[in-house]
Amino acid sequence: MVGMGYRTIKTAIGAGLAIWIASLIDLEFATFAAIIVIMCIETTKKRTLNTIKEKFFASLLSIILGMVFFELLGYNPIAFAVFILLFVPILLRARIQNGFITSMVVLLHIYTVQEASLETFLNELYIILIGMGIAILVNSIMPSFKKSINKNMFEIGERFGIILYELAAYLRDNEREWDGKEIIEAEDIIHKSKSIVIQDVENHLFRAENKDYHYLQMRGDQLEILKKMVTIVHIISSSDLHVKQRGMLADFFEYVSQNVHSGDKIHIALERLENYEASIRETELPKTREEFEVRANLFYLNFEIKNYLTIKKKVFEVID
């Protein structure tokens, strides 16, 4: 609602300013400058420029071709209808079809004055330039999304910390209850944050990518791994057998949960995981089928947490 309100204020100021300037230089159809502003203002700078580009070339084309067409076939409804039938394929071929409505309004102005003169051409051109110029001006002022993005990234980390802690607790106590709501919450925040980051990228015309987006992509990949680990832990916890490796891995999960926000301790975590793996290789082989299944699932869980940390390590090497 805040974003919509901000955009509405900019549109209102821009529309009023466009009419005032167009009226000041005594242009005919001055109010159309306000309509252009309204139609050109988008949610981001990049989208606004793309919209303006399509509408400008479509309108310019309709002025030139419309004048020639009406002068040859006359200013009548049949000529107007035929022009539309011929003009739309041209817009589609030029890939500027989004400028159709604006170009038709310009064409109606020419049809109304019934005069293909330099004065008419310049009148329409000035209105278009005023409207689109004001749209660029007012849309150059965009709110910063950085505070919102940082807040969301912190909240994602908090959810991840809870998930990892609950996995550790579950490995220690298979009677523990947890509804897993943090998984759904983290997924929603990641999805919402990606949309905000895309808007932020499109508000920086010379920025092709964003480090925050790489971070969120990493969190999305990690969340998929966490979902797998929840299933594995549930299988392990269905057994009452408590092998040594189960407690060791629970301790490691708790350590990771306490350092979920840190990128500096990834190497330490991976070293601890290697030590854990080394200790597993030194233990005796399982003596029963149940012990074999539990340890096999613990090995798979170890594999997934290693993937979780490796993904983070690679992304932090890129964004640092």
Protein backbone atom coordinates (compact mmCIF):
# COMPACT_ATOMS: atom_id res chain seq x y z
CA MET A 1 0.00 0.00 0.00
CA VAL A 2 2.91 2.36 0.76
CA GLY A 3 4.42 1.73 -2.70
CA MET A 4 1.08 2.33 -4.41
CA GLY A 5 0.59 5.57 -2.47
CA TYR A 6 4.05 6.81 -3.46
CA ARG A 7 3.38 6.05 -7.11
CA THR A 8 -0.01 7.80 -6.97
CA ILE A 9 1.55 10.97 -5.54
CA LYS A 10 4.19 11.01 -8.28
CA THR A 11 1.52 10.46 -10.96
CA ALA A 12 -0.66 13.27 -9.61
CA ILE A 13 2.23 15.76 -9.45
CA GLY A 14 3.49 14.72 -12.89
CA ALA A 15 0.06 14.95 -14.54
CA GLY A 16 -0.61 18.40 -13.12
CA LEU A 17 2.84 19.64 -14.10
CA ALA A 18 2.45 18.31 -17.65
CA ILE A 19 -0.88 20.10 -18.19
CA TRP A 20 0.54 23.32 -16.76
CA ILE A 21 3.60 23.29 -19.08
CA ALA A 22 1.58 22.30 -22.16
CA SER A 23 -0.99 25.06 -21.44
CA LEU A 24 1.76 27.57 -20.75
CA ILE A 25 3.04 27.30 -24.33
CA ASP A 26 -0.55 27.25 -25.63
CA LEU A 27 -0.59 23.75 -27.10
CA GLU A 28 -3.82 22.30 -28.45
CA PHE A 29 -5.00 19.13 -26.62
CA ALA A 30 -2.77 20.12 -23.68
CA THR A 31 -4.58 17.73 -21.33
CA PHE A 32 -3.21 14.78 -23.33
CA ALA A 33 0.22 15.51 -21.82
CA ALA A 34 -1.22 14.46 -18.44
CA ILE A 35 -2.61 11.24 -19.91
CA ILE A 36 0.84 10.41 -21.29
CA VAL A 37 2.36 10.88 -17.83
CA ILE A 38 -0.26 8.59 -16.29
CA MET A 39 0.30 5.91 -18.95
CA CYS A 40 4.10 6.06 -18.76
CA ILE A 41 4.78 5.93 -15.03
CA GLU A 42 5.70 2.37 -14.03
CA THR A 43 6.89 0.76 -10.80
CA THR A 44 10.59 1.01 -11.76
CA LYS A 45 12.85 3.33 -13.77
CA LYS A 46 13.75 0.63 -16.30
CA ARG A 47 10.11 -0.28 -16.99
CA THR A 48 9.25 3.41 -17.35
CA LEU A 49 11.98 3.93 -19.96
CA ASN A 50 10.91 0.82 -21.90
CA THR A 51 7.28 1.99 -21.86
CA ILE A 52 8.24 5.49 -22.98
CA LYS A 53 10.41 4.14 -25.82
CA GLU A 54 7.55 2.06 -27.23
CA LYS A 55 4.94 4.81 -26.87
CA PHE A 56 7.21 7.49 -28.35
CA PHE A 57 8.08 5.60 -31.54
CA ALA A 58 4.52 4.31 -31.97
CA SER A 59 3.12 7.84 -31.59
CA LEU A 60 5.70 9.39 -33.91
CA LEU A 61 4.95 6.75 -36.52
CA SER A 62 1.19 7.32 -36.24
CA ILE A 63 1.63 11.09 -36.74
CA ILE A 64 3.71 10.73 -39.89
CA LEU A 65 1.80 7.86 -41.47
CA GLY A 66 -1.57 9.21 -40.30
CA MET A 67 -1.04 12.59 -41.94
CA VAL A 68 -0.03 10.99 -45.23
CA PHE A 69 -2.88 8.47 -45.08
CA PHE A 70 -5.64 11.00 -44.30
CA GLU A 71 -4.40 13.42 -46.92
CA LEU A 72 -4.63 10.66 -49.53
CA LEU A 73 -7.92 9.00 -48.46
CA GLY A 74 -9.61 11.86 -46.65
CA TYR A 75 -10.63 12.49 -43.04
CA ASN A 76 -13.50 10.01 -42.65
CA PRO A 77 -14.38 7.02 -40.44
CA ILE A 78 -13.61 4.46 -43.17
CA ALA A 79 -10.10 5.85 -43.67
CA PHE A 80 -9.57 5.82 -39.90
CA ALA A 81 -10.66 2.17 -39.63
CA VAL A 82 -8.50 1.11 -42.59
CA PHE A 83 -5.50 2.89 -41.08
CA ILE A 84 -5.85 0.92 -37.84
CA LEU A 85 -6.01 -2.37 -39.78
CA LEU A 86 -2.79 -1.50 -41.57
CA PHE A 87 -1.04 0.15 -38.63
CA VAL A 88 -1.34 -2.62 -36.03
CA PRO A 89 0.76 -5.15 -38.04
CA ILE A 90 3.46 -2.47 -38.38
CA LEU A 91 3.56 -1.99 -34.60
CA LEU A 92 3.72 -5.74 -34.04
CA ARG A 93 6.56 -6.14 -36.52
CA ALA A 94 8.47 -3.27 -34.88
CA ARG A 95 7.68 -4.76 -31.43
CA ILE A 96 6.22 -1.50 -30.13
CA GLN A 97 2.60 -2.67 -29.88
CA ASN A 98 2.36 -1.40 -26.28
CA GLY A 99 2.33 2.09 -27.73
CA PHE A 100 -0.89 1.44 -29.67
CA ILE A 101 -3.32 3.34 -27.40
CA THR A 102 -1.11 6.43 -27.19
CA SER A 103 -0.60 6.42 -30.95
CA MET A 104 -4.36 6.19 -31.54
CA VAL A 105 -5.04 9.22 -29.34
CA VAL A 106 -2.46 11.18 -31.33
CA LEU A 107 -4.09 10.00 -34.54
CA LEU A 108 -7.50 11.16 -33.29
CA HIS A 109 -6.07 14.62 -32.72
CA ILE A 110 -4.98 14.77 -36.37
CA TYR A 111 -8.35 13.41 -37.43
CA THR A 112 -10.10 16.08 -35.33
CA VAL A 113 -8.16 19.09 -36.66
CA GLN A 114 -8.14 17.61 -40.19
CA GLU A 115 -4.91 19.32 -41.05
CA ALA A 116 -1.58 17.74 -41.99
CA SER A 117 0.71 20.69 -41.37
CA LEU A 118 4.04 21.33 -39.66
CA GLU A 119 2.18 23.19 -36.90
CA THR A 120 -0.02 20.16 -36.19
CA PHE A 121 3.00 17.85 -36.23
CA LEU A 122 4.96 20.04 -33.80
CA ASN A 123 1.93 20.46 -31.50
CA GLU A 124 1.62 16.68 -31.08
CA LEU A 125 5.37 16.20 -30.80
CA TYR A 126 5.66 18.83 -28.05
CA ILE A 127 2.79 17.25 -26.09
CA ILE A 128 4.44 13.83 -26.34
CA LEU A 129 7.84 15.17 -25.29
CA ILE A 130 6.38 17.11 -22.35
CA GLY A 131 4.37 14.14 -21.08
CA MET A 132 7.19 11.63 -21.45
CA GLY A 133 9.80 14.05 -20.13
CA ILE A 134 7.77 14.69 -16.98
CA ALA A 135 7.20 10.93 -16.57
CA ILE A 136 10.98 10.33 -16.66
CA LEU A 137 11.56 13.21 -14.23
CA VAL A 138 9.05 12.17 -11.55
CA ASN A 139 9.94 8.49 -11.85
CA SER A 140 13.64 9.23 -11.34
CA ILE A 141 12.80 9.62 -7.65
CA MET A 142 12.43 6.12 -6.23
CA PRO A 143 12.33 4.92 -2.61
CA SER A 144 15.26 2.84 -1.37
CA PHE A 145 14.49 -0.85 -0.85
CA LYS A 146 17.77 -1.62 0.93
CA LYS A 147 16.39 -1.34 4.47
CA SER A 148 13.50 -3.66 3.63
CA ILE A 149 15.81 -6.15 1.89
CA ASN A 150 18.23 -6.25 4.83
CA LYS A 151 15.36 -6.76 7.27
CA ASN A 152 14.01 -9.66 5.20
CA MET A 153 17.44 -11.29 4.90
CA PHE A 154 17.85 -11.12 8.68
CA GLU A 155 14.41 -12.70 9.18
CA ILE A 156 15.29 -15.51 6.74
CA GLY A 157 18.45 -16.20 8.75
CA GLU A 158 16.43 -16.27 11.98
CA ARG A 159 14.05 -18.87 10.50
CA PHE A 160 16.98 -20.96 9.28
CA GLY A 161 18.54 -20.83 12.74
CA ILE A 162 15.33 -22.16 14.30
CA ILE A 163 15.01 -24.93 11.69
CA LEU A 164 18.59 -26.11 12.25
CA TYR A 165 18.19 -25.96 16.03
CA GLU A 166 14.98 -28.00 15.83
CA LEU A 167 16.75 -30.61 13.70
CA ALA A 168 19.46 -30.85 16.36
CA ALA A 169 16.85 -31.15 19.11
CA TYR A 170 14.97 -33.81 17.14
CA LEU A 171 18.13 -35.88 16.74
CA ARG A 172 18.57 -35.82 20.54
CA ASP A 173 14.91 -36.34 21.45
CA ASN A 174 12.54 -38.11 19.07
CA GLU A 175 9.60 -37.14 21.28
CA ARG A 176 10.09 -33.44 20.57
CA GLU A 177 7.21 -31.61 18.86
CA TRP A 178 7.73 -29.03 16.10
CA ASP A 179 5.19 -27.86 13.52
CA GLY A 180 7.79 -26.69 10.97
CA LYS A 181 6.09 -23.32 10.36
CA GLU A 182 9.50 -21.63 9.99
CA ILE A 183 10.02 -23.49 6.70
CA ILE A 184 6.86 -21.98 5.19
CA GLU A 185 7.68 -18.55 6.64
CA ALA A 186 11.21 -18.62 5.22
CA GLU A 187 9.90 -19.64 1.79
CA ASP A 188 7.40 -16.76 1.78
CA ILE A 189 10.02 -14.20 2.84
CA ILE A 190 12.48 -15.41 0.18
CA HIS A 191 9.82 -15.16 -2.53
CA LYS A 192 8.74 -11.69 -1.38
CA SER A 193 12.33 -10.48 -1.08
CA LYS A 194 13.23 -11.60 -4.61
CA SER A 195 10.43 -9.43 -6.00
CA ILE A 196 11.73 -6.43 -4.02
CA VAL A 197 15.32 -7.04 -5.19
CA ILE A 198 14.20 -7.24 -8.84
CA GLN A 199 12.52 -3.86 -8.41
CA ASP A 200 15.72 -2.50 -6.88
CA VAL A 201 17.78 -3.76 -9.85
CA GLU A 202 15.34 -2.16 -12.31
CA ASN A 203 15.69 1.16 -10.49
CA HIS A 204 19.42 1.17 -11.25
CA LEU A 205 19.67 1.52 -15.01
CA PHE A 206 23.32 0.51 -15.28
CA ARG A 207 23.22 -2.40 -12.86
CA ALA A 208 22.64 -5.78 -14.49
CA GLU A 209 22.68 -7.84 -11.29
CA ASN A 210 22.40 -7.54 -7.55
CA LYS A 211 24.40 -9.24 -4.80
CA ASP A 212 21.27 -9.47 -2.67
CA TYR A 213 19.59 -11.56 -5.38
CA HIS A 214 22.51 -14.03 -5.33
CA TYR A 215 22.15 -14.21 -1.56
CA LEU A 216 18.41 -14.92 -1.77
CA GLN A 217 19.00 -17.51 -4.49
CA MET A 218 21.46 -19.20 -2.14
CA ARG A 219 18.90 -19.17 0.68
CA GLY A 220 16.31 -20.68 -1.65
CA ASP A 221 18.71 -23.51 -2.55
CA GLN A 222 19.58 -24.02 1.11
CA LEU A 223 15.91 -24.17 2.05
CA GLU A 224 15.36 -27.02 -0.40
CA ILE A 225 18.21 -28.89 1.32
CA LEU A 226 16.70 -28.15 4.75
CA LYS A 227 13.41 -29.67 3.59
CA LYS A 228 15.24 -32.88 2.63
CA MET A 229 17.02 -32.91 5.99
CA VAL A 230 13.73 -32.59 7.87
CA THR A 231 12.53 -35.78 6.17
CA ILE A 232 15.78 -37.62 6.92
CA VAL A 233 15.78 -36.54 10.58
CA HIS A 234 12.18 -37.70 10.90
CA ILE A 235 13.21 -41.15 9.60
CA ILE A 236 16.19 -41.31 11.97
CA SER A 237 14.07 -40.17 14.93
CA SER A 238 11.52 -42.91 14.25
CA SER A 239 14.13 -45.30 15.64
CA ASP A 240 14.83 -45.47 19.37
CA LEU A 241 18.43 -46.47 18.64
CA HIS A 242 20.86 -43.73 19.73
CA VAL A 243 24.22 -44.26 18.10
CA LYS A 244 27.21 -42.05 18.91
CA GLN A 245 27.12 -40.29 15.51
CA ARG A 246 23.58 -39.11 16.12
CA GLY A 247 24.60 -36.96 19.09
CA MET A 248 27.70 -35.69 17.31
CA LEU A 249 25.68 -34.57 14.31
CA ALA A 250 23.11 -32.95 16.61
CA ASP A 251 25.91 -30.90 18.20
CA PHE A 252 27.10 -29.86 14.75
CA PHE A 253 23.59 -28.80 13.66
CA GLU A 254 23.29 -26.68 16.81
CA TYR A 255 26.66 -25.04 16.03
CA VAL A 256 25.51 -24.19 12.49
CA SER A 257 22.22 -22.80 13.84
CA GLN A 258 24.14 -20.39 16.08
CA ASN A 259 26.22 -19.08 13.17
CA VAL A 260 23.57 -18.95 10.46
CA HIS A 261 24.13 -15.22 9.76
CA SER A 262 27.91 -15.44 9.60
CA GLY A 263 29.82 -15.95 6.38
CA ASP A 264 33.19 -15.91 8.13
CA LYS A 265 32.73 -19.21 9.97
CA ILE A 266 31.84 -21.40 6.98
CA HIS A 267 35.43 -22.70 6.73
CA ILE A 268 35.40 -23.54 10.45
CA ALA A 269 32.08 -25.37 10.07
CA LEU A 270 33.39 -27.38 7.09
CA GLU A 271 36.53 -28.29 9.05
CA ARG A 272 34.39 -29.49 11.96
CA LEU A 273 32.34 -31.53 9.53
CA GLU A 274 35.50 -33.13 8.11
CA ASN A 275 36.59 -34.05 11.64
CA TYR A 276 33.17 -35.59 12.23
CA GLU A 277 33.50 -37.61 9.02
CA ALA A 278 36.97 -38.78 10.07
CA SER A 279 35.64 -39.95 13.44
CA ILE A 280 32.89 -41.92 11.66
CA ARG A 281 35.47 -43.77 9.56
CA GLU A 282 37.28 -44.81 12.76
CA THR A 283 34.17 -46.29 14.42
CA GLU A 284 33.23 -49.96 14.26
CA LEU A 285 30.90 -51.18 11.54
CA PRO A 286 27.20 -51.49 12.48
CA LYS A 287 26.30 -54.80 14.13
CA THR A 288 22.55 -54.86 13.41
CA ARG A 289 20.32 -54.01 10.48
CA GLU A 290 18.64 -51.21 12.48
CA GLU A 291 22.01 -49.67 13.36
CA PHE A 292 23.09 -49.90 9.72
CA GLU A 293 19.92 -48.06 8.56
CA VAL A 294 20.29 -45.33 11.18
CA ARG A 295 23.95 -44.75 10.37
CA ALA A 296 23.22 -44.79 6.62
CA ASN A 297 20.63 -42.05 7.10
CA LEU A 298 23.04 -40.12 9.32
CA PHE A 299 25.63 -40.36 6.54
CA TYR A 300 23.09 -39.01 4.06
CA LEU A 301 22.20 -36.21 6.50
CA ASN A 302 25.89 -35.41 6.77
CA PHE A 303 26.07 -35.24 2.96
CA GLU A 304 23.17 -32.75 2.81
CA ILE A 305 24.50 -30.43 5.53
CA LYS A 306 27.80 -30.37 3.65
CA ASN A 307 25.92 -29.30 0.51
CA TYR A 308 24.14 -26.65 2.57
CA LEU A 309 27.45 -25.17 3.74
CA THR A 310 29.20 -25.50 0.36
CA ILE A 311 26.44 -23.53 -1.39
CA LYS A 312 26.86 -20.74 1.14
CA LYS A 313 30.66 -20.81 0.81
CA LYS A 314 30.55 -20.46 -2.99
CA VAL A 315 28.04 -17.57 -2.94
CA PHE A 316 29.90 -15.65 -0.23
CA GLU A 317 33.09 -15.95 -2.30
CA VAL A 318 31.23 -14.30 -5.21
CA ILE A 319 29.45 -11.50 -3.34
CA ASP A 320 32.29 -10.50 -1.01
